[in-house]
């Protein structure tokens, strides 16, 4: 995935305007305080600081998280389902150092299916893809919660 220069605030405003997301949902997802979030969405150039009596702007960390979320919700959703499935298992094996056997035991599926999902998801039957995707996503979520993300 290549990421071109984008305006994350504009992308998030567009997603809200088109009904893909609400401001309440965005606040719940990011944990950014409503005042700071609204200010971030109102700014046209992210990262610029001004001296003002208005509510504080989001922190650099919050601004980065908003930019990543905007990219994931726009450009990231263009990734095909087979590539996304493969990415789940690449993440679990590369970043988490889980073996295919570890993953298969954790999700209760055959190691051969996990291996196929990692190397060539097109060879996995659709019913098994669903199980692999939902259970693999659960593991990714568990890892992220354990990492404090």
C-alpha atoms as a PDB file:
ATOM      1  CA  UNK A   1       0.000   0.000   0.000  1.00  0.00           C
ATOM      2  CA  UNK A   2       1.415   3.360  -0.922  1.00  0.00           C
ATOM      3  CA  UNK A   3       0.333   6.323   1.090  1.00  0.00           C
ATOM      4  CA  UNK A   4       0.128   9.644  -0.657  1.00  0.00           C
ATOM      5  CA  UNK A   5       0.092  12.975   1.135  1.00  0.00           C
ATOM      6  CA  UNK A   6      -3.359  13.274   2.626  1.00  0.00           C
ATOM      7  CA  UNK A   7      -5.117  15.557   5.024  1.00  0.00           C
ATOM      8  CA  UNK A   8      -6.318  13.177   7.764  1.00  0.00           C
ATOM      9  CA  UNK A   9      -8.710  15.748   9.239  1.00  0.00           C
ATOM     10  CA  UNK A  10     -10.326  16.271   5.832  1.00  0.00           C
ATOM     11  CA  UNK A  11     -10.605  12.499   5.291  1.00  0.00           C
ATOM     12  CA  UNK A  12     -12.202  12.017   8.710  1.00  0.00           C
ATOM     13  CA  UNK A  13     -14.592  14.950   8.126  1.00  0.00           C
ATOM     14  CA  UNK A  14     -15.562  13.350   4.795  1.00  0.00           C
ATOM     15  CA  UNK A  15     -16.196   9.971   6.447  1.00  0.00           C
ATOM     16  CA  UNK A  16     -18.391  11.690   9.053  1.00  0.00           C
ATOM     17  CA  UNK A  17     -20.261  13.747   6.436  1.00  0.00           C
ATOM     18  CA  UNK A  18     -20.927  10.633   4.332  1.00  0.00           C
ATOM     19  CA  UNK A  19     -22.296   8.766   7.353  1.00  0.00           C
ATOM     20  CA  UNK A  20     -19.482   6.206   7.533  1.00  0.00           C
ATOM     21  CA  UNK A  21     -18.547   7.338  11.027  1.00  0.00           C
ATOM     22  CA  UNK A  22     -19.955   9.648  13.706  1.00  0.00           C
ATOM     23  CA  UNK A  23     -18.044  12.067  15.892  1.00  0.00           C
ATOM     24  CA  UNK A  24     -19.144   9.996  18.913  1.00  0.00           C
ATOM     25  CA  UNK A  25     -17.772   6.816  17.343  1.00  0.00           C
ATOM     26  CA  UNK A  26     -14.507   8.552  16.432  1.00  0.00           C
ATOM     27  CA  UNK A  27     -14.128   9.751  20.026  1.00  0.00           C
ATOM     28  CA  UNK A  28     -14.880   6.265  21.371  1.00  0.00           C
ATOM     29  CA  UNK A  29     -12.413   4.636  18.959  1.00  0.00           C
ATOM     30  CA  UNK A  30      -9.544   7.048  19.616  1.00  0.00           C
ATOM     31  CA  UNK A  31     -10.144   7.990  23.244  1.00  0.00           C
ATOM     32  CA  UNK A  32      -9.331  11.593  22.349  1.00  0.00           C
ATOM     33  CA  UNK A  33     -11.263  14.122  24.409  1.00  0.00           C
ATOM     34  CA  UNK A  34     -14.222  15.597  22.495  1.00  0.00           C
ATOM     35  CA  UNK A  35     -12.928  19.194  22.577  1.00  0.00           C
ATOM     36  CA  UNK A  36      -9.499  18.226  21.245  1.00  0.00           C
ATOM     37  CA  UNK A  37     -11.035  15.938  18.642  1.00  0.00           C
ATOM     38  CA  UNK A  38     -13.399  18.638  17.377  1.00  0.00           C
ATOM     39  CA  UNK A  39     -10.511  21.078  17.200  1.00  0.00           C
ATOM     40  CA  UNK A  40      -8.447  18.577  15.242  1.00  0.00           C
ATOM     41  CA  UNK A  41     -11.278  18.032  12.772  1.00  0.00           C
ATOM     42  CA  UNK A  42     -11.688  21.794  12.360  1.00  0.00           C
ATOM     43  CA  UNK A  43      -8.012  22.444  11.597  1.00  0.00           C
ATOM     44  CA  UNK A  44      -7.032  22.517   7.959  1.00  0.00           C
ATOM     45  CA  UNK A  45      -3.310  21.995   8.483  1.00  0.00           C
ATOM     46  CA  UNK A  46      -2.417  19.351  11.025  1.00  0.00           C
ATOM     47  CA  UNK A  47       0.613  19.810  13.204  1.00  0.00           C
ATOM     48  CA  UNK A  48       0.482  23.612  13.316  1.00  0.00           C
ATOM     49  CA  UNK A  49       0.339  25.020  16.838  1.00  0.00           C
ATOM     50  CA  UNK A  50      -1.213  28.385  17.673  1.00  0.00           C
ATOM     51  CA  UNK A  51      -1.361  30.307  20.932  1.00  0.00           C
ATOM     52  CA  UNK A  52      -5.034  30.559  21.804  1.00  0.00           C
ATOM     53  CA  UNK A  53      -7.542  30.353  24.620  1.00  0.00           C
ATOM     54  CA  UNK A  54      -9.486  27.671  22.760  1.00  0.00           C
ATOM     55  CA  UNK A  55      -9.486  24.088  24.055  1.00  0.00           C
ATOM     56  CA  UNK A  56      -6.155  22.317  23.552  1.00  0.00           C
ATOM     57  CA  UNK A  57      -5.328  20.614  20.287  1.00  0.00           C
ATOM     58  CA  UNK A  58      -4.690  16.880  20.280  1.00  0.00           C
ATOM     59  CA  UNK A  59      -1.198  15.794  21.318  1.00  0.00           C
ATOM     60  CA  UNK A  60       1.325  14.640  18.729  1.00  0.00           C
ATOM     61  CA  UNK A  61       0.470  11.042  19.637  1.00  0.00           C
ATOM     62  CA  UNK A  62      -3.243  11.686  19.177  1.00  0.00           C
ATOM     63  CA  UNK A  63      -2.611  13.453  15.868  1.00  0.00           C
ATOM     64  CA  UNK A  64      -0.560  10.474  14.676  1.00  0.00           C
ATOM     65  CA  UNK A  65      -3.278   8.046  15.712  1.00  0.00           C
ATOM     66  CA  UNK A  66      -5.897  10.101  13.848  1.00  0.00           C
ATOM     67  CA  UNK A  67      -3.715  10.095  10.723  1.00  0.00           C
ATOM     68  CA  UNK A  68      -3.240   6.327  10.909  1.00  0.00           C
ATOM     69  CA  UNK A  69      -6.968   5.780  11.447  1.00  0.00           C
ATOM     70  CA  UNK A  70      -7.841   8.020   8.488  1.00  0.00           C
ATOM     71  CA  UNK A  71      -5.419   6.086   6.259  1.00  0.00           C
ATOM     72  CA  UNK A  72      -6.748   2.728   7.438  1.00  0.00           C
ATOM     73  CA  UNK A  73     -10.376   3.745   6.888  1.00  0.00           C
ATOM     74  CA  UNK A  74      -9.740   5.133   3.411  1.00  0.00           C
ATOM     75  CA  UNK A  75      -6.715   3.616   1.671  1.00  0.00           C
ATOM     76  CA  UNK A  76      -6.489   0.525   3.886  1.00  0.00           C
ATOM     77  CA  UNK A  77      -9.943  -0.749   2.989  1.00  0.00           C
ATOM     78  CA  UNK A  78      -8.878  -1.056  -0.650  1.00  0.00           C
ATOM     79  CA  UNK A  79      -6.732  -4.084   0.245  1.00  0.00           C
ATOM     80  CA  UNK A  80      -8.264  -7.337  -0.986  1.00  0.00           C
ATOM     81  CA  UNK A  81      -9.710  -9.853   1.463  1.00  0.00           C
ATOM     82  CA  UNK A  82      -7.131 -12.555   0.632  1.00  0.00           C
ATOM     83  CA  UNK A  83      -4.266 -10.112   1.207  1.00  0.00           C
ATOM     84  CA  UNK A  84      -5.897  -8.963   4.440  1.00  0.00           C
ATOM     85  CA  UNK A  85      -6.225 -12.585   5.635  1.00  0.00           C
ATOM     86  CA  UNK A  86      -2.597 -13.234   4.772  1.00  0.00           C
ATOM     87  CA  UNK A  87      -1.647 -10.046   6.651  1.00  0.00           C
ATOM     88  CA  UNK A  88      -3.347 -11.271   9.821  1.00  0.00           C
ATOM     89  CA  UNK A  89      -1.160 -14.362   9.911  1.00  0.00           C
ATOM     90  CA  UNK A  90       1.976 -12.507   8.814  1.00  0.00           C
ATOM     91  CA  UNK A  91       1.471 -10.174  11.753  1.00  0.00           C
ATOM     92  CA  UNK A  92       0.972 -13.034  14.188  1.00  0.00           C
ATOM     93  CA  UNK A  93       4.050 -14.911  12.966  1.00  0.00           C
ATOM     94  CA  UNK A  94       6.430 -12.008  12.305  1.00  0.00           C
ATOM     95  CA  UNK A  95       5.503  -9.478  14.983  1.00  0.00           C
ATOM     96  CA  UNK A  96       4.294 -11.855  17.684  1.00  0.00           C
ATOM     97  CA  UNK A  97       6.721 -14.723  16.996  1.00  0.00           C
ATOM     98  CA  UNK A  98       3.902 -17.269  17.039  1.00  0.00           C
ATOM     99  CA  UNK A  99       4.485 -20.412  15.033  1.00  0.00           C
ATOM    100  CA  UNK A 100       1.838 -21.794  12.713  1.00  0.00           C
ATOM    101  CA  UNK A 101       1.343 -24.604  15.234  1.00  0.00           C
ATOM    102  CA  UNK A 102       0.833 -22.046  18.047  1.00  0.00           C
ATOM    103  CA  UNK A 103      -1.771 -20.209  16.005  1.00  0.00           C
ATOM    104  CA  UNK A 104      -3.575 -23.397  14.935  1.00  0.00           C
ATOM    105  CA  UNK A 105      -3.822 -24.567  18.536  1.00  0.00           C
ATOM    106  CA  UNK A 106      -4.974 -21.167  19.785  1.00  0.00           C
ATOM    107  CA  UNK A 107      -7.715 -20.814  17.171  1.00  0.00           C
ATOM    108  CA  UNK A 108      -8.683 -24.504  17.106  1.00  0.00           C
ATOM    109  CA  UNK A 109      -8.051 -25.074  13.399  1.00  0.00           C
ATOM    110  CA  UNK A 110      -5.800 -27.321  11.341  1.00  0.00           C
ATOM    111  CA  UNK A 111      -2.224 -26.128  10.936  1.00  0.00           C
ATOM    112  CA  UNK A 112      -2.493 -26.836   7.198  1.00  0.00           C
ATOM    113  CA  UNK A 113      -5.295 -24.274   6.860  1.00  0.00           C
ATOM    114  CA  UNK A 114      -3.298 -21.678   8.781  1.00  0.00           C
ATOM    115  CA  UNK A 115      -0.299 -22.374   6.538  1.00  0.00           C
ATOM    116  CA  UNK A 116      -2.444 -21.992   3.400  1.00  0.00           C
ATOM    117  CA  UNK A 117      -3.872 -18.707   4.728  1.00  0.00           C
ATOM    118  CA  UNK A 118      -0.345 -17.420   5.265  1.00  0.00           C
ATOM    119  CA  UNK A 119       1.132 -18.548   1.955  1.00  0.00           C
ATOM    120  CA  UNK A 120      -1.766 -18.636  -0.529  1.00  0.00           C
ATOM    121  CA  UNK A 121      -5.206 -17.718   0.842  1.00  0.00           C
ATOM    122  CA  UNK A 122      -6.811 -18.389  -2.544  1.00  0.00           C
ATOM    123  CA  UNK A 123      -6.437 -22.133  -1.854  1.00  0.00           C
ATOM    124  CA  UNK A 124      -8.505 -21.959   1.364  1.00  0.00           C
ATOM    125  CA  UNK A 125     -12.224 -22.822   1.107  1.00  0.00           C
ATOM    126  CA  UNK A 126     -14.478 -19.828   1.812  1.00  0.00           C
ATOM    127  CA  UNK A 127     -15.981 -21.390   4.971  1.00  0.00           C
ATOM    128  CA  UNK A 128     -12.511 -21.917   6.399  1.00  0.00           C
ATOM    129  CA  UNK A 129     -11.463 -18.371   5.413  1.00  0.00           C
ATOM    130  CA  UNK A 130     -14.267 -17.019   7.562  1.00  0.00           C
ATOM    131  CA  UNK A 131     -13.129 -19.053  10.555  1.00  0.00           C
ATOM    132  CA  UNK A 132      -9.495 -18.092  10.000  1.00  0.00           C
ATOM    133  CA  UNK A 133     -10.328 -14.409   9.578  1.00  0.00           C
ATOM    134  CA  UNK A 134     -12.557 -14.117  12.636  1.00  0.00           C
ATOM    135  CA  UNK A 135     -10.327 -16.156  14.916  1.00  0.00           C
ATOM    136  CA  UNK A 136      -7.142 -14.528  13.593  1.00  0.00           C
ATOM    137  CA  UNK A 137      -8.676 -11.084  14.117  1.00  0.00           C
ATOM    138  CA  UNK A 138      -9.532 -12.086  17.676  1.00  0.00           C
ATOM    139  CA  UNK A 139      -5.870 -12.993  18.280  1.00  0.00           C
ATOM    140  CA  UNK A 140      -4.723  -9.667  16.811  1.00  0.00           C
ATOM    141  CA  UNK A 141      -7.136  -7.873  19.126  1.00  0.00           C
ATOM    142  CA  UNK A 142      -5.918  -9.871  22.130  1.00  0.00           C
ATOM    143  CA  UNK A 143      -2.307  -8.998  21.281  1.00  0.00           C
ATOM    144  CA  UNK A 144      -3.143  -5.314  20.874  1.00  0.00           C
ATOM    145  CA  UNK A 145      -4.947  -5.256  24.222  1.00  0.00           C
ATOM    146  CA  UNK A 146      -1.981  -6.976  25.881  1.00  0.00           C
ATOM    147  CA  UNK A 147       0.320  -4.349  24.355  1.00  0.00           C
ATOM    148  CA  UNK A 148      -1.898  -1.589  25.690  1.00  0.00           C
ATOM    149  CA  UNK A 149      -3.082  -0.440  22.264  1.00  0.00           C
END
